N, C-alpha and C. Protein backbone atom coordinates (compact mmCIF):
# COMPACT_ATOMS: atom_id res chain seq x y z
N UNK A 1 134.15 99.21 -12.82
CA UNK A 1 134.60 99.50 -11.99
C UNK A 1 133.86 100.34 -11.26
N UNK A 2 133.15 101.60 -11.79
CA UNK A 2 132.23 102.37 -10.68
C UNK A 2 131.17 101.40 -9.87
N UNK A 3 130.88 100.43 -10.50
CA UNK A 3 129.97 99.54 -9.44
C UNK A 3 130.48 98.58 -8.72
N UNK A 4 131.85 98.71 -9.26
CA UNK A 4 131.90 97.69 -8.09
C UNK A 4 132.84 98.60 -6.71
N UNK A 5 133.58 99.40 -7.41
CA UNK A 5 133.74 100.24 -5.62
C UNK A 5 132.75 101.10 -5.50
N UNK A 6 131.26 101.35 -5.60
CA UNK A 6 130.44 102.03 -4.94
C UNK A 6 129.43 100.37 -3.68
N UNK A 7 129.70 99.28 -4.78
CA UNK A 7 128.90 98.20 -4.01
C UNK A 7 129.84 97.82 -2.35
N UNK A 8 131.56 98.10 -3.00
CA UNK A 8 132.80 98.29 -2.07
C UNK A 8 132.08 99.17 -0.50
N UNK A 9 132.18 100.27 -1.19
CA UNK A 9 131.42 101.18 0.45
C UNK A 9 130.34 101.06 0.74
N UNK A 10 129.52 100.47 -0.13
CA UNK A 10 127.94 100.26 0.81
C UNK A 10 128.50 98.75 1.37
N UNK A 11 129.39 97.90 0.96
CA UNK A 11 129.67 96.73 2.05
C UNK A 11 130.29 97.48 3.35
N UNK A 12 131.65 98.49 3.15
CA UNK A 12 132.12 98.84 4.09
C UNK A 12 131.47 99.19 5.20
N UNK A 13 130.32 100.21 4.62
CA UNK A 13 129.47 100.67 5.39
C UNK A 13 128.83 99.62 6.40
N UNK A 14 128.08 99.11 5.26
CA UNK A 14 127.01 98.03 6.21
C UNK A 14 128.46 97.34 7.15
N UNK A 15 129.57 96.81 7.48
CA UNK A 15 129.94 96.01 8.22
C UNK A 15 130.53 97.51 10.04
N UNK A 16 130.38 98.76 9.14
CA UNK A 16 130.72 99.62 10.05
C UNK A 16 129.83 100.01 10.63
N UNK A 17 128.25 100.15 10.22
CA UNK A 17 126.76 99.68 11.14
C UNK A 17 126.60 98.74 11.66
N UNK A 18 128.04 97.60 11.34
CA UNK A 18 127.12 96.30 11.91
C UNK A 18 128.14 96.39 13.39
N UNK A 19 129.27 96.59 13.11
CA UNK A 19 130.30 96.77 14.21
C UNK A 19 129.76 98.22 15.31
N UNK A 20 129.46 99.42 15.02
CA UNK A 20 128.51 100.22 15.16
C UNK A 20 127.35 99.67 16.44
N UNK A 21 126.09 98.76 16.16
CA UNK A 21 125.51 98.29 16.44
C UNK A 21 125.93 97.27 17.78
N UNK A 22 127.03 96.17 17.00
CA UNK A 22 127.49 95.04 17.97
C UNK A 22 127.68 96.10 19.60
N UNK A 23 129.00 96.86 19.16
CA UNK A 23 129.53 97.55 19.97
C UNK A 23 128.68 97.96 20.68
N UNK A 24 127.55 99.07 20.48
CA UNK A 24 126.35 99.84 21.35
C UNK A 24 125.68 98.91 21.55
N UNK A 25 125.12 97.19 21.66
CA UNK A 25 124.38 95.98 22.20
C UNK A 25 125.56 95.85 23.24
N UNK A 26 126.51 95.35 23.21
CA UNK A 26 127.87 94.93 24.11
C UNK A 26 127.57 95.80 25.36
N UNK A 27 127.27 96.92 24.53
CA UNK A 27 127.53 98.12 25.77
C UNK A 27 126.07 98.57 26.63
N UNK A 28 124.73 98.03 26.08
CA UNK A 28 124.07 98.20 26.89
C UNK A 28 123.72 96.54 27.71
N UNK A 29 124.22 95.30 27.38
CA UNK A 29 124.40 94.16 27.47
C UNK A 29 124.74 94.32 29.29
N UNK A 30 126.29 94.88 28.52
CA UNK A 30 127.07 95.49 29.98
C UNK A 30 126.15 96.36 31.00
N UNK A 31 125.41 97.41 30.79
CA UNK A 31 124.69 98.23 31.21
C UNK A 31 123.71 97.10 32.00
N UNK A 32 122.37 96.54 31.34
CA UNK A 32 121.76 95.55 31.75
C UNK A 32 122.42 94.68 33.04
N UNK A 33 124.07 93.77 32.99
CA UNK A 33 124.53 93.07 33.32
C UNK A 33 124.51 93.83 35.27
N UNK A 34 125.17 95.45 34.90
CA UNK A 34 125.31 95.95 36.02
C UNK A 34 124.15 96.26 37.06
N UNK A 35 122.87 96.53 36.39
CA UNK A 35 121.80 96.88 36.30
C UNK A 35 121.25 96.08 37.33
N UNK A 36 121.32 94.42 36.68
CA UNK A 36 120.73 93.17 37.54
C UNK A 36 121.31 92.86 38.58
N UNK A 37 122.96 93.00 38.46
CA UNK A 37 123.74 92.70 39.64
C UNK A 37 123.17 93.53 41.09
N UNK A 38 123.24 94.76 40.55
CA UNK A 38 122.82 95.79 41.87
C UNK A 38 121.43 95.33 42.55
N UNK A 39 120.50 95.09 41.69
CA UNK A 39 119.03 94.47 41.59
C UNK A 39 119.39 94.11 42.89
N UNK A 40 120.37 92.87 42.68
CA UNK A 40 120.71 91.34 43.66
C UNK A 40 121.11 92.16 44.53
N UNK A 41 122.21 92.94 44.64
CA UNK A 41 122.72 93.02 45.86
C UNK A 41 122.12 94.29 46.62
N UNK A 42 120.76 94.84 45.83
CA UNK A 42 120.41 95.99 46.83
C UNK A 42 119.71 95.47 48.22
N UNK A 43 119.94 96.24 49.65
CA UNK A 43 118.88 95.80 50.57
C UNK A 43 118.08 95.53 50.17
N UNK A 44 116.49 94.76 50.86
CA UNK A 44 115.48 94.58 50.34
C UNK A 44 114.40 95.84 51.02
N UNK A 45 113.38 95.97 50.90
CA UNK A 45 112.53 97.24 51.04
C UNK A 45 112.51 97.28 53.17
N UNK A 46 113.44 98.17 53.31
CA UNK A 46 112.91 98.61 54.83
C UNK A 46 111.52 98.93 55.32
N UNK A 47 110.15 99.17 54.29
CA UNK A 47 109.62 99.50 55.24
C UNK A 47 108.23 98.63 56.05
N UNK A 48 108.78 97.13 56.18
CA UNK A 48 107.93 96.04 56.93
C UNK A 48 109.24 96.34 58.04
N UNK A 49 110.07 96.32 57.88
CA UNK A 49 111.06 96.22 59.33
C UNK A 49 111.18 97.75 60.10
N UNK A 50 110.83 98.06 59.46
CA UNK A 50 110.98 99.37 60.16
C UNK A 50 108.97 99.51 60.89
N UNK A 51 108.59 99.29 59.83
CA UNK A 51 107.04 99.43 60.87
C UNK A 51 106.63 98.20 62.21
N UNK A 52 107.70 97.23 62.01
CA UNK A 52 107.30 96.05 63.02
C UNK A 52 108.47 96.95 64.02
N UNK A 53 109.57 97.12 63.86
CA UNK A 53 110.30 98.28 65.24
C UNK A 53 109.20 99.46 66.00
N UNK A 54 108.62 99.63 65.32
CA UNK A 54 107.72 100.60 65.86
C UNK A 54 106.60 99.78 66.10
N UNK A 55 105.84 99.46 66.21
CA UNK A 55 104.95 98.49 66.48
C UNK A 55 105.54 97.88 67.92
N UNK A 56 106.73 97.18 67.83
CA UNK A 56 107.50 96.77 68.75
C UNK A 56 107.79 98.16 70.05
N UNK A 57 107.81 99.18 69.90
CA UNK A 57 108.59 100.43 70.47
C UNK A 57 106.98 100.79 71.09
N UNK A 58 106.29 101.06 70.30
CA UNK A 58 104.59 101.18 70.56
C UNK A 58 104.27 100.60 72.14
N UNK A 59 104.70 98.79 71.66
CA UNK A 59 104.30 98.25 72.74
C UNK A 59 104.71 98.76 74.01
N UNK A 60 106.41 98.41 73.77
CA UNK A 60 107.50 98.61 75.11
C UNK A 60 106.48 99.82 75.42
N UNK A 61 106.31 100.79 75.17
CA UNK A 61 105.66 102.90 75.56
C UNK A 61 104.90 102.26 76.29
N UNK A 62 104.00 101.25 75.63
CA UNK A 62 102.39 101.15 75.96
C UNK A 62 102.57 100.54 77.74
N UNK A 63 104.07 99.23 78.06
CA UNK A 63 103.77 98.86 79.16
C UNK A 63 104.87 99.99 80.15
N UNK A 64 105.94 100.76 79.51
CA UNK A 64 106.67 101.02 80.09
C UNK A 64 105.47 102.34 80.88
N UNK A 65 104.40 102.95 80.60
CA UNK A 65 103.52 104.16 80.85
C UNK A 65 102.79 104.23 82.43
N UNK A 66 102.51 102.40 82.59
CA UNK A 66 101.90 102.09 84.03
C UNK A 66 103.39 102.21 84.78
N UNK A 67 104.85 101.83 84.34
CA UNK A 67 105.64 101.78 85.21
C UNK A 67 105.75 102.81 85.67
N UNK A 68 106.39 103.91 84.77
CA UNK A 68 106.32 105.25 85.60
C UNK A 68 105.77 106.09 85.85
N UNK A 69 104.33 105.87 86.03
CA UNK A 69 103.26 106.71 86.44
C UNK A 69 103.18 105.87 88.08
N UNK A 70 103.55 104.42 88.05
CA UNK A 70 103.74 104.05 89.76
C UNK A 70 104.88 104.08 90.08
N UNK A 71 106.04 104.45 89.66
CA UNK A 71 107.60 105.50 90.15
C UNK A 71 107.34 106.74 90.30
N UNK A 72 106.53 107.54 89.55
CA UNK A 72 106.12 108.52 89.87
C UNK A 72 105.32 108.78 91.39
N UNK A 73 104.25 107.94 91.57
CA UNK A 73 103.47 107.44 92.86
C UNK A 73 104.09 107.28 94.13
N UNK A 74 105.39 106.19 93.85
CA UNK A 74 105.98 105.82 94.97
C UNK A 74 107.20 107.00 95.06
N UNK A 75 107.61 107.96 94.29
CA UNK A 75 108.10 108.72 94.83
C UNK A 75 107.68 109.78 95.26
N UNK A 76 106.53 110.01 95.03
CA UNK A 76 105.78 111.37 95.93
C UNK A 76 105.48 110.53 97.21
N UNK A 77 105.29 108.77 97.77
CA UNK A 77 104.95 109.04 98.92
C UNK A 77 106.29 108.66 99.37
N UNK A 78 107.22 108.76 99.14
CA UNK A 78 108.54 108.91 99.63
C UNK A 78 108.88 110.35 100.17
N UNK A 79 108.81 111.36 98.97
CA UNK A 79 108.58 112.49 99.74
C UNK A 79 107.61 112.92 100.98
N UNK A 80 106.81 112.54 100.81
CA UNK A 80 105.22 112.72 101.59
C UNK A 80 106.32 112.28 103.01
N UNK A 81 106.64 110.75 103.31
CA UNK A 81 107.01 109.82 104.57
C UNK A 81 108.38 110.93 104.94
N UNK A 82 109.32 111.41 103.94
CA UNK A 82 110.35 112.31 104.55
C UNK A 82 110.17 113.45 104.88
N UNK A 83 108.89 114.22 105.32
CA UNK A 83 108.66 115.44 105.39
C UNK A 83 107.80 114.98 106.62
N UNK A 84 106.94 113.44 106.95
CA UNK A 84 106.57 113.06 108.36
C UNK A 84 107.36 112.95 109.17
N UNK A 85 108.13 112.20 108.29
CA UNK A 85 109.35 112.05 109.44
C UNK A 85 110.58 112.67 110.17
N UNK A 86 110.51 114.05 109.49
CA UNK A 86 111.38 115.10 109.73
C UNK A 86 110.19 115.83 110.48
N UNK A 87 109.16 115.64 110.08
CA UNK A 87 108.44 116.39 111.45
C UNK A 87 108.53 116.13 113.20
N UNK A 88 108.66 114.80 112.96
CA UNK A 88 108.68 113.62 114.23
C UNK A 88 109.99 114.13 115.12
N UNK A 89 110.76 113.58 113.77
CA UNK A 89 112.22 114.08 114.61
C UNK A 89 112.64 115.57 114.97
N UNK A 90 111.42 116.33 114.29
CA UNK A 90 111.58 118.09 114.97
C UNK A 90 111.21 118.26 116.39
N UNK A 91 109.66 117.06 116.53
CA UNK A 91 108.74 117.14 117.65
C UNK A 91 109.53 116.20 118.60
N UNK A 92 109.98 115.27 118.69
CA UNK A 92 110.95 114.28 119.22
C UNK A 92 112.34 115.21 119.69
N UNK A 93 112.78 116.24 119.32
CA UNK A 93 114.01 116.88 119.24
C UNK A 93 113.81 118.04 120.61
N UNK A 94 112.70 118.34 120.33
CA UNK A 94 111.58 119.36 121.02
C UNK A 94 111.46 118.98 122.32
N UNK A 95 111.11 117.42 122.32
CA UNK A 95 110.46 116.63 123.41
C UNK A 95 111.81 116.42 124.74
N UNK A 96 112.72 115.92 124.09
CA UNK A 96 113.97 115.68 124.55
C UNK A 96 114.41 116.93 125.09
N UNK A 97 114.65 118.52 124.58
CA UNK A 97 114.73 119.77 125.37
C UNK A 97 114.16 119.91 126.69
N UNK A 98 112.90 119.95 126.17
CA UNK A 98 111.53 119.92 127.60
C UNK A 98 112.21 118.91 128.50
N UNK A 99 112.46 117.78 128.55
CA UNK A 99 112.39 116.29 128.99
C UNK A 99 114.18 117.20 130.26
N UNK A 100 114.73 117.45 128.87
CA UNK A 100 116.10 117.76 129.80
C UNK A 100 115.90 118.90 130.66
N UNK A 101 115.19 120.15 130.15
CA UNK A 101 114.92 121.34 131.32
C UNK A 101 114.50 120.77 132.57
N UNK A 102 113.95 119.52 132.77
CA UNK A 102 113.30 119.62 133.80
C UNK A 102 114.36 118.71 135.03
N UNK A 103 114.10 119.44 136.21
CA UNK A 103 114.87 119.02 137.13
C UNK A 103 114.87 117.64 137.64
N UNK A 104 116.11 117.13 137.46
CA UNK A 104 116.10 115.99 138.74
C UNK A 104 115.21 115.26 139.66
N UNK A 105 114.82 114.21 139.49
CA UNK A 105 113.86 113.93 140.88
C UNK A 105 114.45 113.76 141.82
N UNK A 106 114.14 113.49 143.20
CA UNK A 106 114.12 113.62 144.50
C UNK A 106 115.67 112.31 144.63
N UNK A 107 116.72 113.31 145.55
CA UNK A 107 118.12 112.62 145.30
C UNK A 107 118.01 110.85 146.75
N UNK A 108 119.07 110.17 146.41
CA UNK A 108 118.68 109.24 147.16
C UNK A 108 118.78 109.76 148.93
N UNK A 109 119.53 110.94 149.45
CA UNK A 109 120.17 111.51 150.46
C UNK A 109 118.26 112.22 151.12
N UNK A 110 117.76 113.13 149.79
CA UNK A 110 115.99 113.69 150.04
C UNK A 110 115.16 112.47 150.34
N UNK A 111 115.62 110.76 149.86
CA UNK A 111 114.53 109.83 149.83
C UNK A 111 114.64 109.47 151.48
N UNK A 112 116.08 109.23 152.45
CA UNK A 112 116.83 108.82 153.21
C UNK A 112 116.05 110.30 154.32
N UNK A 113 116.17 111.19 153.79
CA UNK A 113 115.87 112.30 155.07
C UNK A 113 114.24 112.19 155.17
N UNK A 114 113.35 112.42 153.81
CA UNK A 114 112.44 111.91 154.18
C UNK A 114 111.49 110.82 154.62
N UNK A 115 112.15 109.43 154.95
CA UNK A 115 112.08 108.30 155.38
C UNK A 115 112.71 108.92 157.12
N UNK A 116 113.25 109.66 157.15
CA UNK A 116 113.82 109.50 158.78
C UNK A 116 112.20 110.62 159.28
N UNK A 117 112.15 112.12 158.59
CA UNK A 117 111.57 112.48 159.50
C UNK A 117 109.70 111.67 158.97
N UNK A 118 109.30 110.58 158.77
CA UNK A 118 108.49 110.24 158.21
C UNK A 118 108.33 108.93 159.66
N UNK A 119 109.60 108.74 159.91
CA UNK A 119 109.63 107.87 161.20
C UNK A 119 109.52 108.56 162.05
N UNK A 120 109.84 109.65 162.07
CA UNK A 120 109.47 110.71 163.92
C UNK A 120 108.48 111.05 163.64
N UNK A 121 107.65 111.26 162.86
CA UNK A 121 106.32 111.84 162.25
C UNK A 121 105.75 110.48 163.34
N UNK A 122 106.04 109.38 162.80
CA UNK A 122 104.95 108.33 163.42
C UNK A 122 105.06 107.83 165.16
N UNK A 123 106.73 108.41 164.73
CA UNK A 123 106.57 107.90 166.89
C UNK A 123 106.02 108.79 167.13
N UNK A 124 105.79 110.54 167.00
CA UNK A 124 105.50 111.25 167.71
C UNK A 124 103.58 110.91 167.33
N UNK A 125 103.53 110.48 166.24
CA UNK A 125 101.77 109.98 166.44
C UNK A 125 101.40 109.11 167.18
N UNK A 126 102.69 107.68 167.34
CA UNK A 126 102.40 106.84 168.19
C UNK A 126 102.06 107.79 170.05
N UNK A 127 103.09 108.71 170.42
CA UNK A 127 103.23 108.78 171.65
C UNK A 127 101.85 110.09 172.14
N UNK A 128 101.30 110.58 170.94
CA UNK A 128 100.19 111.48 170.90
C UNK A 128 99.42 110.25 171.07
N UNK A 129 99.25 108.99 170.60
CA UNK A 129 98.11 108.24 170.48
C UNK A 129 97.69 107.64 171.97
N UNK A 130 98.95 107.83 173.29
CA UNK A 130 99.48 107.44 174.13
C UNK A 130 99.05 107.81 175.41
N UNK A 131 99.34 109.45 175.12
CA UNK A 131 99.08 110.45 176.23
C UNK A 131 98.01 110.76 176.77
N UNK A 132 98.02 110.86 177.71
CA UNK A 132 96.52 110.91 178.37
C UNK A 132 95.90 112.38 178.04
N UNK A 133 94.43 112.14 177.59
CA UNK A 133 93.54 112.94 177.29
C UNK A 133 93.15 114.14 177.61
N UNK A 134 93.02 114.95 177.47
CA UNK A 134 92.65 116.56 178.10
C UNK A 134 91.56 116.55 177.56
N UNK A 135 90.59 117.42 178.26
CA UNK A 135 89.35 117.97 178.08
C UNK A 135 89.09 119.20 177.12
N UNK A 136 88.17 118.53 176.50
CA UNK A 136 88.39 119.14 174.98
C UNK A 136 88.23 120.79 174.64
N UNK A 137 88.04 121.42 175.76
CA UNK A 137 88.18 122.78 175.76
C UNK A 137 89.00 123.51 176.40
N UNK A 138 89.84 122.38 176.81
CA UNK A 138 91.52 122.56 177.50
C UNK A 138 91.88 122.43 176.02
N UNK A 139 91.86 121.15 175.17
CA UNK A 139 92.78 121.30 173.71
C UNK A 139 92.64 122.11 173.25
N UNK A 140 91.20 122.84 173.43
CA UNK A 140 90.32 123.56 172.09
C UNK A 140 91.74 124.92 172.63
N UNK A 141 91.48 125.19 173.37
CA UNK A 141 92.18 126.74 173.87
C UNK A 141 93.81 126.22 173.51
N UNK A 142 94.37 125.38 173.65
CA UNK A 142 95.91 124.66 173.08
C UNK A 142 96.15 124.66 171.95
N UNK A 143 94.87 123.76 171.54
CA UNK A 143 95.24 124.48 169.98
C UNK A 143 95.25 125.67 169.11
N UNK A 144 94.21 126.37 169.30
CA UNK A 144 93.96 127.42 168.84
C UNK A 144 95.39 128.74 169.69
N UNK A 145 96.35 128.18 170.84
CA UNK A 145 97.09 129.13 171.14
C UNK A 145 98.45 128.49 170.39
N UNK A 146 98.53 126.83 170.23
CA UNK A 146 100.07 126.41 169.09
C UNK A 146 99.39 127.11 167.83
N UNK A 147 98.63 127.71 166.89
CA UNK A 147 98.04 127.79 165.88
C UNK A 147 98.51 128.46 166.08
N UNK A 148 97.84 129.94 166.44
CA UNK A 148 98.56 131.03 166.49
C UNK A 148 99.65 131.72 167.01
N UNK A 149 100.57 130.56 167.72
CA UNK A 149 101.87 130.83 167.92
C UNK A 149 102.59 130.41 166.93
N UNK A 150 101.86 129.12 166.19
CA UNK A 150 102.74 128.99 164.68
C UNK A 150 102.50 130.12 163.63
N UNK A 151 101.44 130.59 163.47
CA UNK A 151 101.61 131.63 162.41
C UNK A 151 102.44 132.95 162.90
N UNK A 152 102.15 133.44 164.30
CA UNK A 152 103.11 134.25 164.20
C UNK A 152 104.54 134.48 164.56
N UNK A 153 105.18 132.64 164.43
CA UNK A 153 107.06 132.57 164.35
C UNK A 153 106.81 131.69 163.16
N UNK A 154 105.99 131.57 161.93
CA UNK A 154 106.37 130.80 160.73
C UNK A 154 106.93 131.81 160.01
N UNK A 155 108.56 131.05 159.54
CA UNK A 155 108.57 132.15 158.41
C UNK A 155 107.98 132.15 157.31
N UNK A 156 108.89 133.71 157.04
CA UNK A 156 108.30 133.20 155.38
C UNK A 156 108.45 132.43 154.18
N UNK A 157 107.68 132.57 152.90
CA UNK A 157 108.24 131.60 152.05
C UNK A 157 109.72 132.18 151.75
N UNK A 158 110.82 130.93 151.48
CA UNK A 158 112.10 130.94 150.76
C UNK A 158 111.89 131.03 149.41
N UNK A 159 110.72 131.23 148.36
CA UNK A 159 110.89 131.69 147.12
C UNK A 159 109.26 132.01 146.73
N UNK A 160 109.03 132.19 145.72
CA UNK A 160 107.89 132.69 145.16
C UNK A 160 107.06 131.68 144.48
N UNK A 161 105.69 131.58 144.52
CA UNK A 161 104.97 130.41 143.44
C UNK A 161 104.76 131.26 141.81
N UNK A 162 105.17 130.73 141.06
CA UNK A 162 104.58 131.40 139.65
C UNK A 162 103.66 130.79 139.07
N UNK A 163 102.81 129.53 139.81
CA UNK A 163 102.12 128.57 139.04
C UNK A 163 101.89 127.63 139.03
N UNK A 164 101.29 126.81 138.17
CA UNK A 164 100.58 125.28 137.82
C UNK A 164 101.54 124.91 136.60
N UNK A 165 102.36 123.75 136.02
CA UNK A 165 102.33 123.35 134.89
C UNK A 165 102.00 121.71 134.91
N UNK A 166 101.54 121.38 134.46
CA UNK A 166 101.05 120.04 133.17
C UNK A 166 102.23 119.74 132.17
N UNK A 167 102.68 118.47 132.93
CA UNK A 167 103.29 117.51 131.60
C UNK A 167 102.41 116.01 131.67
N UNK A 168 102.02 115.83 130.55
CA UNK A 168 101.04 114.61 130.58
C UNK A 168 99.84 114.48 132.00
N UNK A 169 100.17 113.47 132.64
CA UNK A 169 100.03 113.27 133.87
C UNK A 169 100.15 113.55 134.83
N UNK A 170 101.65 114.01 134.52
CA UNK A 170 102.03 115.44 136.06
C UNK A 170 101.40 116.54 135.96
N UNK A 171 101.88 116.87 137.79
CA UNK A 171 101.21 118.41 137.55
C UNK A 171 102.21 118.80 138.59
N UNK A 172 103.32 119.89 138.12
CA UNK A 172 103.97 120.54 138.81
C UNK A 172 103.46 121.88 139.20
N UNK A 173 104.79 122.66 140.30
CA UNK A 173 104.16 124.19 141.36
C UNK A 173 105.64 124.36 140.34
N UNK A 174 105.56 125.90 140.10
CA UNK A 174 106.81 126.29 139.59
C UNK A 174 106.65 127.18 140.37
N UNK A 175 108.29 127.19 140.88
CA UNK A 175 108.96 127.75 142.64
C UNK A 175 110.05 128.74 141.69
N UNK A 176 110.33 130.44 141.81
CA UNK A 176 111.24 130.96 141.75
C UNK A 176 111.97 131.14 143.66
N UNK A 177 113.47 131.08 143.51
CA UNK A 177 113.97 131.26 144.64
C UNK A 177 113.77 132.38 145.46
N UNK A 178 113.39 133.14 146.44
CA UNK A 178 113.80 134.70 146.73
C UNK A 178 115.23 135.32 146.46
N UNK A 179 114.71 136.22 146.21
CA UNK A 179 116.34 137.02 145.93
C UNK A 179 116.45 137.50 144.27
N UNK A 180 117.24 137.89 143.76
CA UNK A 180 117.67 138.15 142.49
C UNK A 180 118.47 137.10 141.62
N UNK A 181 117.41 136.19 141.80
CA UNK A 181 117.41 135.29 140.74
C UNK A 181 117.30 135.46 138.96
N UNK A 182 117.97 134.72 138.58
CA UNK A 182 117.29 134.34 136.97
C UNK A 182 116.16 133.72 136.71
N UNK A 183 116.06 134.12 135.51
CA UNK A 183 114.49 132.61 135.15
C UNK A 183 115.11 131.49 135.49
N UNK A 184 116.24 130.89 134.73
CA UNK A 184 116.62 130.21 134.64
C UNK A 184 116.55 129.21 136.02
N UNK A 185 116.24 129.85 137.60
CA UNK A 185 116.50 128.94 138.90
C UNK A 185 115.22 128.47 139.05
N UNK A 186 113.84 128.65 137.99
CA UNK A 186 112.88 128.55 138.41
C UNK A 186 113.00 126.58 138.89
N UNK A 187 111.92 126.29 139.35
CA UNK A 187 112.31 124.99 140.29
C UNK A 187 110.71 124.06 139.89
N UNK A 188 110.58 122.92 139.32
CA UNK A 188 109.29 122.54 139.15
C UNK A 188 109.71 121.28 140.20
N UNK A 189 108.71 121.61 141.23
CA UNK A 189 108.34 120.75 142.25
C UNK A 189 107.09 119.89 142.26
N UNK A 190 106.72 118.89 142.75
CA UNK A 190 106.08 117.67 142.49
C UNK A 190 105.68 117.74 144.36
N UNK A 191 104.78 117.11 144.75
CA UNK A 191 104.74 116.19 146.07
C UNK A 191 105.55 115.73 146.35
N UNK A 192 106.27 115.65 147.78
CA UNK A 192 107.98 114.59 148.04
C UNK A 192 108.78 115.86 147.82
N UNK A 193 108.70 116.78 146.88
CA UNK A 193 109.91 117.42 146.61
C UNK A 193 110.57 118.53 147.34
N UNK A 194 111.08 119.03 147.83
CA UNK A 194 111.78 120.15 148.90
C UNK A 194 112.57 121.02 148.04
N UNK A 195 112.43 122.38 148.80
CA UNK A 195 113.27 123.62 148.10
C UNK A 195 113.21 124.20 149.38
N UNK A 196 114.62 124.25 149.67
CA UNK A 196 114.98 125.50 150.78
C UNK A 196 114.71 124.96 151.90
N UNK A 197 114.12 123.90 152.07
CA UNK A 197 113.70 123.45 153.91
C UNK A 197 112.18 122.86 153.69
N UNK A 198 111.54 123.80 152.20
CA UNK A 198 110.35 123.56 152.62
C UNK A 198 109.35 122.25 151.69
N UNK A 199 108.95 121.63 152.47
CA UNK A 199 108.07 120.48 151.13
C UNK A 199 106.78 120.27 150.75
N UNK A 200 106.81 120.48 149.23
CA UNK A 200 105.79 120.38 148.88
C UNK A 200 104.91 118.47 149.03
N UNK A 201 103.78 119.09 149.98
CA UNK A 201 102.93 118.11 150.74
C UNK A 201 101.85 117.74 149.27
N UNK A 202 101.09 118.72 148.98
CA UNK A 202 100.18 118.27 148.00
C UNK A 202 99.55 119.69 147.09
N UNK A 203 99.19 119.39 145.79
CA UNK A 203 98.85 119.97 144.65
C UNK A 203 96.97 120.64 145.00
N UNK A 204 96.55 121.33 145.26
CA UNK A 204 95.17 121.96 145.08
C UNK A 204 94.77 122.55 144.36
N UNK A 205 93.86 123.15 144.11
CA UNK A 205 92.78 123.97 142.79
C UNK A 205 93.56 125.60 143.65
N UNK A 206 94.61 126.07 143.16
CA UNK A 206 95.06 127.11 143.66
C UNK A 206 95.26 127.28 144.65
N UNK A 207 96.17 126.23 145.10
CA UNK A 207 96.27 125.75 146.16
C UNK A 207 97.96 125.31 146.34
N UNK A 208 99.10 125.52 146.98
CA UNK A 208 99.60 123.90 147.23
C UNK A 208 100.15 123.93 148.98
N UNK A 209 99.99 122.83 149.67
CA UNK A 209 100.48 122.38 150.91
C UNK A 209 101.99 122.47 150.88
N UNK A 210 102.86 122.72 152.29
CA UNK A 210 104.04 122.64 152.07
C UNK A 210 104.30 122.33 153.66
N UNK A 211 104.77 121.24 154.30
CA UNK A 211 105.59 121.35 155.37
C UNK A 211 106.99 121.96 155.16
N UNK A 212 106.49 122.92 156.63
CA UNK A 212 107.60 123.16 157.58
C UNK A 212 108.47 123.50 158.52
N UNK A 213 109.51 122.80 158.69
CA UNK A 213 110.15 121.50 159.80
C UNK A 213 110.03 122.65 160.75
N UNK A 214 109.60 122.47 161.44
CA UNK A 214 109.42 123.26 163.19
C UNK A 214 108.24 123.60 163.30
N UNK A 215 107.60 124.11 162.27
CA UNK A 215 106.48 124.64 162.03
C UNK A 215 105.09 124.15 161.41
N UNK A 216 105.01 122.87 161.25
CA UNK A 216 103.86 122.38 160.74
C UNK A 216 103.65 122.51 159.46
N UNK A 217 102.10 122.74 158.97
CA UNK A 217 102.20 122.44 157.53
C UNK A 217 101.55 124.37 157.19
N UNK A 218 101.93 124.25 156.12
CA UNK A 218 101.60 125.60 155.37
C UNK A 218 101.22 125.66 154.16
N UNK A 219 99.71 126.30 153.37
CA UNK A 219 99.00 126.16 152.42
C UNK A 219 99.23 127.46 151.60
N UNK A 220 100.32 127.35 150.68
CA UNK A 220 100.36 128.97 149.96
C UNK A 220 99.34 129.19 149.00
N UNK A 221 99.13 130.68 148.50
CA UNK A 221 97.84 130.19 146.84
C UNK A 221 99.63 130.41 145.52
N UNK A 222 98.46 129.49 144.73
CA UNK A 222 98.99 129.43 144.05
C UNK A 222 98.57 130.66 142.71
N UNK A 223 99.56 131.90 141.86
CA UNK A 223 98.34 132.88 141.34
C UNK A 223 98.15 131.71 140.32
């Protein structure tokens, strides 16, 4: 009875060990199956994809760098052009201010009066050309007498000459009317212009020639 009992114990122990071993093997199989499934579902190695993306980014960066440099150059040119345009606009504004300060040219009334004076002068010249000639000595004495009378009776200029101003190819005589006037009343005169009845005939070196109605021509020094 003891032998049979011992055998039963051994067989029971073996069965229990076999069951435990079977259970452990099944657990290991389950874990292996899970690992295999996880391995199949795991994403591929990202290394090649990342290297490919990095290579493409480097290529794009190499392509963009010259474009960025070109844009910087264009921006610099644009800034320079804006500065140049601003300077030109300032110069244009200054030129417009100067032109606005220039007195207007002779009016139609001035031109009509000038034409009348020229007609009268031509008529007087024609009369002189047809007048009988006088001896040179008498003519010289008469001319000297007339000049002396003209000098004695010639009025003083109703203005003061300030100087000569040049604008482009045009020359002007600056004149300040006599009396307590502000500097804003300075006039720019060209040949043909009149100021207080005195008409400018010519601008010479440091001199200006005027026609004074009833007194002939006068030459005034220019400071």
